[in-house]
N, C-alpha and C. Protein backbone atom coordinates (compact mmCIF):
# COMPACT_ATOMS: atom_id res chain seq x y z
N UNK A 1 100.57 120.07 93.33
CA UNK A 1 100.46 118.84 94.14
C UNK A 1 99.55 118.37 94.40
N UNK A 2 99.55 117.13 95.26
CA UNK A 2 98.36 116.24 96.27
C UNK A 2 98.93 116.86 96.68
N UNK A 3 98.04 116.78 98.65
CA UNK A 3 98.50 116.82 99.70
C UNK A 3 99.16 116.20 100.34
N UNK A 4 98.96 115.39 100.28
CA UNK A 4 99.88 114.16 100.69
C UNK A 4 101.34 113.52 99.84
N UNK A 5 100.87 114.19 98.90
CA UNK A 5 102.71 113.98 97.69
C UNK A 5 103.51 114.99 99.04
N UNK A 6 103.16 116.37 99.03
CA UNK A 6 103.40 117.40 99.78
C UNK A 6 103.66 117.06 101.77
N UNK A 7 103.24 116.48 101.91
CA UNK A 7 103.43 116.05 102.88
C UNK A 7 104.78 114.75 103.01
N UNK A 8 104.79 114.06 102.18
CA UNK A 8 105.53 112.95 101.70
C UNK A 8 106.97 113.76 101.73
N UNK A 9 107.13 115.04 101.13
CA UNK A 9 108.13 115.74 100.30
C UNK A 9 108.81 116.28 102.02
N UNK A 10 107.69 116.71 102.23
CA UNK A 10 108.47 117.46 103.76
C UNK A 10 109.13 116.50 104.82
N UNK A 11 107.92 114.93 104.51
CA UNK A 11 108.70 114.21 105.40
C UNK A 11 109.85 113.70 105.19
N UNK A 12 110.40 113.79 103.64
CA UNK A 12 111.41 112.86 103.45
C UNK A 12 112.50 114.02 104.11
N UNK A 13 112.56 115.71 104.06
CA UNK A 13 113.25 116.57 103.94
C UNK A 13 113.77 116.53 105.10
N UNK A 14 112.66 116.27 106.32
CA UNK A 14 112.65 116.31 107.31
C UNK A 14 113.79 115.56 107.96
N UNK A 15 113.41 114.10 107.79
CA UNK A 15 114.78 112.82 107.51
C UNK A 15 115.86 113.17 107.22
N UNK A 16 116.05 113.38 106.10
CA UNK A 16 117.33 113.86 105.62
C UNK A 16 118.20 114.61 106.65
N UNK A 17 117.18 116.05 107.12
CA UNK A 17 117.90 116.98 108.28
C UNK A 17 118.40 116.16 109.41
N UNK A 18 117.17 115.08 110.25
CA UNK A 18 117.38 114.51 111.33
C UNK A 18 118.74 113.58 110.77
N UNK A 19 118.98 113.20 110.21
CA UNK A 19 120.03 112.23 109.59
C UNK A 19 121.43 112.51 109.39
N UNK A 20 121.03 114.05 109.21
CA UNK A 20 122.55 115.11 108.73
C UNK A 20 123.27 115.58 110.10
N UNK A 21 121.69 115.65 111.24
CA UNK A 21 121.86 116.15 112.39
C UNK A 21 122.83 114.92 113.45
N UNK A 22 122.58 113.53 113.11
CA UNK A 22 122.93 112.62 113.59
C UNK A 22 124.26 111.78 112.85
N UNK A 23 124.55 112.09 112.27
CA UNK A 23 125.93 112.10 111.36
C UNK A 23 126.14 111.25 110.54
N UNK A 24 125.39 111.26 109.44
CA UNK A 24 124.95 110.59 108.58
C UNK A 24 125.32 111.35 107.86
N UNK A 25 125.78 111.08 106.33
CA UNK A 25 126.30 111.27 105.23
C UNK A 25 124.80 111.25 104.29
N UNK A 26 124.04 111.60 103.49
CA UNK A 26 123.37 111.53 102.50
C UNK A 26 124.55 110.90 101.18
N UNK A 27 124.21 110.29 100.55
CA UNK A 27 124.56 109.51 99.26
C UNK A 27 123.78 109.93 97.85
N UNK A 28 122.45 109.63 98.29
CA UNK A 28 121.42 109.84 97.29
C UNK A 28 119.81 110.11 98.15
N UNK A 29 119.35 110.98 97.33
CA UNK A 29 118.00 110.42 97.63
C UNK A 29 117.02 110.62 96.35
N UNK A 30 115.93 110.17 96.64
CA UNK A 30 115.25 109.52 95.45
C UNK A 30 116.24 108.69 94.07
N UNK A 31 116.16 107.72 94.84
CA UNK A 31 117.04 106.65 94.15
C UNK A 31 115.77 105.19 93.02
N UNK A 32 115.90 105.62 92.48
CA UNK A 32 114.66 105.14 91.59
C UNK A 32 115.14 103.78 90.25
N UNK A 33 114.24 102.67 90.42
CA UNK A 33 114.66 101.40 89.85
C UNK A 33 113.35 100.55 89.63
N UNK A 34 113.12 100.96 87.91
CA UNK A 34 112.23 100.30 87.44
C UNK A 34 110.99 101.07 88.36
N UNK A 35 109.61 100.30 89.12
CA UNK A 35 109.01 100.88 89.92
C UNK A 35 109.48 101.04 91.81
N UNK A 36 110.80 100.88 91.91
CA UNK A 36 110.90 101.12 93.04
C UNK A 36 112.30 102.36 93.27
N UNK A 37 111.44 102.18 94.65
CA UNK A 37 112.53 104.06 95.28
C UNK A 37 112.75 103.89 96.02
N UNK A 38 114.03 104.33 96.63
CA UNK A 38 114.53 104.71 97.55
C UNK A 38 115.01 105.82 98.36
N UNK A 39 114.02 106.48 99.32
CA UNK A 39 114.00 107.69 99.73
C UNK A 39 115.32 107.96 99.75
N UNK A 40 116.27 107.69 100.38
CA UNK A 40 117.19 108.17 101.11
C UNK A 40 118.32 107.05 101.32
N UNK A 41 119.31 107.27 100.69
CA UNK A 41 120.69 106.27 100.72
C UNK A 41 121.97 107.31 101.55
N UNK A 42 122.21 106.52 102.82
CA UNK A 42 122.89 107.21 103.51
C UNK A 42 123.90 106.57 103.95
N UNK A 43 124.85 107.21 104.94
CA UNK A 43 126.24 106.01 105.62
C UNK A 43 126.68 106.98 106.13
N UNK A 44 127.54 106.25 107.50
CA UNK A 44 127.72 106.79 109.30
C UNK A 44 128.63 105.95 109.52
N UNK A 45 128.48 104.81 109.12
CA UNK A 45 129.64 103.84 109.59
C UNK A 45 130.24 103.46 107.86
N UNK A 46 131.45 103.93 108.02
CA UNK A 46 132.58 103.28 106.44
C UNK A 46 131.78 102.17 105.98
N UNK A 47 131.48 101.10 106.74
CA UNK A 47 130.87 99.89 106.04
C UNK A 47 129.88 99.44 105.58
N UNK A 48 128.84 100.55 106.18
CA UNK A 48 127.56 99.97 106.23
C UNK A 48 126.99 101.23 105.56
N UNK A 49 125.87 100.71 104.23
CA UNK A 49 125.42 101.73 103.39
C UNK A 49 123.83 101.45 103.71
N UNK A 50 123.10 102.61 104.31
CA UNK A 50 122.02 102.72 104.88
C UNK A 50 121.00 103.11 104.28
N UNK A 51 119.97 101.93 103.73
CA UNK A 51 118.83 102.73 103.10
C UNK A 51 117.37 102.70 104.01
N UNK A 52 117.01 103.83 103.07
CA UNK A 52 116.31 104.55 104.84
C UNK A 52 114.71 104.89 103.41
N UNK A 53 113.79 103.76 104.33
CA UNK A 53 112.66 104.13 103.71
C UNK A 53 111.98 105.49 104.73
N UNK A 54 111.29 106.72 104.16
CA UNK A 54 110.83 107.32 105.39
C UNK A 54 109.15 107.41 105.22
N UNK A 55 108.13 107.09 106.35
CA UNK A 55 107.26 107.01 106.18
C UNK A 55 106.12 108.26 106.88
N UNK A 56 105.66 109.11 106.35
CA UNK A 56 105.18 110.18 106.53
C UNK A 56 103.26 110.35 106.88
N UNK A 57 103.26 110.33 107.70
CA UNK A 57 101.47 110.76 107.84
C UNK A 57 100.94 111.71 108.84
N UNK A 58 100.11 112.30 108.89
CA UNK A 58 99.30 113.60 109.61
C UNK A 58 99.14 112.75 110.76
N UNK A 59 98.50 111.33 111.38
CA UNK A 59 98.02 111.33 112.11
C UNK A 59 98.18 109.35 112.13
N UNK A 60 98.36 108.75 113.26
CA UNK A 60 98.60 107.45 113.78
C UNK A 60 96.90 107.09 114.00
N UNK A 61 95.94 107.82 113.40
CA UNK A 61 94.90 107.15 113.56
C UNK A 61 94.41 106.10 112.67
N UNK A 62 94.96 105.57 111.55
CA UNK A 62 94.97 104.16 111.10
C UNK A 62 96.06 103.46 111.01
N UNK A 63 97.03 103.90 112.28
CA UNK A 63 98.04 102.98 112.61
C UNK A 63 99.90 103.78 112.60
N UNK A 64 100.57 102.85 112.57
CA UNK A 64 102.03 103.64 112.49
C UNK A 64 102.13 104.02 111.53
N UNK A 65 102.68 105.03 111.52
CA UNK A 65 103.81 105.30 109.65
C UNK A 65 104.55 103.66 109.52
N UNK A 66 105.08 103.52 110.14
CA UNK A 66 106.20 102.17 109.83
C UNK A 66 104.93 101.23 109.63
N UNK A 67 104.02 100.99 109.64
CA UNK A 67 103.36 99.94 109.43
C UNK A 67 102.67 99.95 108.19
N UNK A 68 103.45 100.89 107.51
CA UNK A 68 102.53 100.79 106.14
C UNK A 68 103.86 100.23 104.96
N UNK A 69 104.89 99.95 105.41
CA UNK A 69 105.91 99.34 104.83
C UNK A 69 105.70 97.65 104.67
N UNK A 70 105.22 97.65 103.61
CA UNK A 70 104.37 96.54 103.14
C UNK A 70 105.60 95.24 103.02
N UNK A 71 105.36 93.78 102.68
CA UNK A 71 106.05 93.07 102.42
C UNK A 71 106.53 93.76 100.44
N UNK A 72 105.85 93.45 99.75
CA UNK A 72 106.05 94.19 98.56
C UNK A 72 106.69 95.49 98.55
N UNK A 73 106.69 96.28 98.99
CA UNK A 73 107.77 97.54 99.27
C UNK A 73 109.22 97.18 99.67
N UNK A 74 109.38 95.84 100.63
CA UNK A 74 110.95 96.15 100.84
C UNK A 74 110.87 94.81 99.99
N UNK A 75 110.63 93.97 99.00
CA UNK A 75 111.12 93.45 98.21
C UNK A 75 111.40 94.20 97.04
N UNK A 76 111.10 95.28 97.21
CA UNK A 76 111.29 95.95 95.81
C UNK A 76 112.67 97.39 96.28
N UNK A 77 112.46 97.59 97.47
CA UNK A 77 113.70 98.31 97.79
C UNK A 77 114.86 97.21 98.19
N UNK A 78 114.67 96.39 98.25
CA UNK A 78 116.28 95.11 98.40
C UNK A 78 116.71 95.17 97.05
N UNK A 79 115.44 95.32 95.93
CA UNK A 79 115.77 94.97 94.46
C UNK A 79 116.54 95.94 94.09
N UNK A 80 116.27 97.19 94.90
CA UNK A 80 116.93 98.56 94.16
C UNK A 80 118.35 98.71 95.04
N UNK A 81 117.98 98.30 96.26
CA UNK A 81 119.30 98.57 96.97
C UNK A 81 120.94 97.28 96.43
N UNK A 82 120.18 96.56 95.76
CA UNK A 82 121.55 95.47 95.53
C UNK A 82 121.39 96.09 94.18
N UNK A 83 121.08 96.57 93.19
CA UNK A 83 121.54 97.70 92.27
C UNK A 83 122.16 98.90 92.78
N UNK A 84 121.85 99.33 93.10
CA UNK A 84 122.86 100.66 93.72
C UNK A 84 124.15 100.04 94.17
N UNK A 85 124.37 98.76 94.92
CA UNK A 85 125.51 98.62 95.03
C UNK A 85 126.46 97.37 93.58
N UNK A 86 125.55 96.99 93.22
CA UNK A 86 126.32 96.48 91.83
C UNK A 86 126.69 97.81 91.06
N UNK A 87 126.14 98.46 90.73
CA UNK A 87 126.30 99.94 90.03
C UNK A 87 127.65 100.52 90.39
N UNK A 88 127.38 100.77 92.00
CA UNK A 88 128.28 101.36 91.74
C UNK A 88 129.67 100.63 92.47
N UNK A 89 130.07 99.59 92.50
CA UNK A 89 130.82 98.78 92.64
C UNK A 89 131.03 98.57 94.65
N UNK A 90 130.84 98.42 95.19
CA UNK A 90 130.55 98.61 96.50
C UNK A 90 130.67 97.54 97.55
N UNK A 91 131.69 97.65 97.83
CA UNK A 91 131.55 96.09 99.43
C UNK A 91 131.73 96.41 100.78
N UNK A 92 130.17 96.38 100.43
CA UNK A 92 129.76 97.48 101.96
C UNK A 92 128.36 96.37 102.70
N UNK A 93 128.34 96.05 104.09
CA UNK A 93 126.79 95.35 105.05
C UNK A 93 126.03 96.70 104.03
N UNK A 94 125.11 96.49 104.39
CA UNK A 94 123.78 97.14 103.77
C UNK A 94 122.46 97.07 104.94
N UNK A 95 122.05 98.12 105.26
CA UNK A 95 121.29 98.03 106.64
C UNK A 95 119.70 99.08 105.79
N UNK A 96 118.33 98.02 106.54
CA UNK A 96 117.26 98.63 105.83
C UNK A 96 116.89 99.47 107.30
N UNK A 97 117.06 100.94 107.61
CA UNK A 97 116.30 101.57 108.31
C UNK A 97 114.60 102.13 107.99
N UNK A 98 113.92 102.68 108.69
CA UNK A 98 112.32 103.14 108.59
C UNK A 98 112.67 104.11 109.39
N UNK A 99 112.08 105.51 109.03
CA UNK A 99 112.06 106.59 109.75
C UNK A 99 111.02 107.02 108.97
N UNK A 100 109.93 107.01 110.32
CA UNK A 100 108.62 107.25 110.58
C UNK A 100 108.01 108.59 111.52
N UNK A 101 107.40 109.37 110.48
CA UNK A 101 107.30 111.14 110.92
C UNK A 101 105.67 110.94 110.91
N UNK A 102 105.59 111.68 112.11
CA UNK A 102 103.52 112.44 112.35
C UNK A 102 103.92 113.71 112.30
N UNK A 103 103.23 114.47 111.59
CA UNK A 103 103.14 115.94 111.35
C UNK A 103 102.54 116.35 111.20
N UNK A 104 101.79 117.38 111.80
CA UNK A 104 100.81 118.13 111.61
C UNK A 104 100.54 119.40 112.07
N UNK A 105 100.05 119.89 112.23
CA UNK A 105 100.37 121.24 112.58
C UNK A 105 100.45 121.44 113.93
N UNK A 106 100.39 120.81 115.02
CA UNK A 106 100.38 120.81 116.30
C UNK A 106 101.84 119.85 116.77
N UNK A 107 101.96 118.83 115.64
CA UNK A 107 102.85 117.88 116.09
C UNK A 107 104.01 117.41 115.27
N UNK A 108 105.20 117.29 115.74
CA UNK A 108 106.07 116.92 114.61
C UNK A 108 107.02 115.78 115.57
N UNK A 109 107.07 114.88 115.12
CA UNK A 109 107.31 113.20 115.83
C UNK A 109 108.40 112.27 114.93
N UNK A 110 109.18 112.21 115.04
CA UNK A 110 110.15 111.44 114.34
C UNK A 110 110.90 110.19 115.42
N UNK A 111 110.68 109.30 114.79
CA UNK A 111 111.61 108.12 115.31
C UNK A 111 111.25 107.01 114.02
N UNK A 112 113.39 106.77 114.59
CA UNK A 112 114.09 105.85 113.59
C UNK A 112 114.02 104.56 113.97
N UNK A 113 113.68 103.74 113.22
CA UNK A 113 113.95 102.43 113.38
C UNK A 113 115.48 101.98 112.52
N UNK A 114 116.04 101.40 113.15
CA UNK A 114 117.43 100.68 112.80
C UNK A 114 116.99 99.26 112.41
N UNK A 115 117.90 98.43 110.96
CA UNK A 115 117.58 97.63 110.89
C UNK A 115 116.40 97.18 111.22
N UNK A 116 115.64 97.81 110.09
CA UNK A 116 113.73 97.45 110.77
C UNK A 116 113.70 96.51 109.53
N UNK A 117 114.12 95.99 109.19
CA UNK A 117 114.15 94.43 108.66
C UNK A 117 115.22 94.38 108.04
N UNK A 118 115.21 92.99 106.99
CA UNK A 118 116.18 92.01 106.81
C UNK A 118 116.24 91.87 105.65
N UNK A 119 116.83 91.60 104.50
CA UNK A 119 116.65 91.25 102.94
C UNK A 119 117.08 90.05 103.34
N UNK A 120 117.25 89.14 102.16
CA UNK A 120 116.64 87.91 102.35
C UNK A 120 117.68 87.50 100.84
């Protein structure tokens, strides 16, 4: 597996552990719909489904990890979240979060951006 793929998987595990420590329930990891992937689907409050995009980098040299969530990625996340809600017959509010992680040999930094973007 490519090194960046390993870092991405490690970041997703760090994010899942972080969410669990902070009172979230993980409903699904790596939910796929066509070209879209939701890294983590979670819930904390009963009425809110939390769609989490995890971005992991080994440094912020090229920019903060959260800056790499592009408009096209947001569009795919919204599409996949909509399908998840419909296929599971859920009547919940949906929130989109980003967990940005910088992880290298000397640093592990986690930032959680709640309501990082709004679906339209």
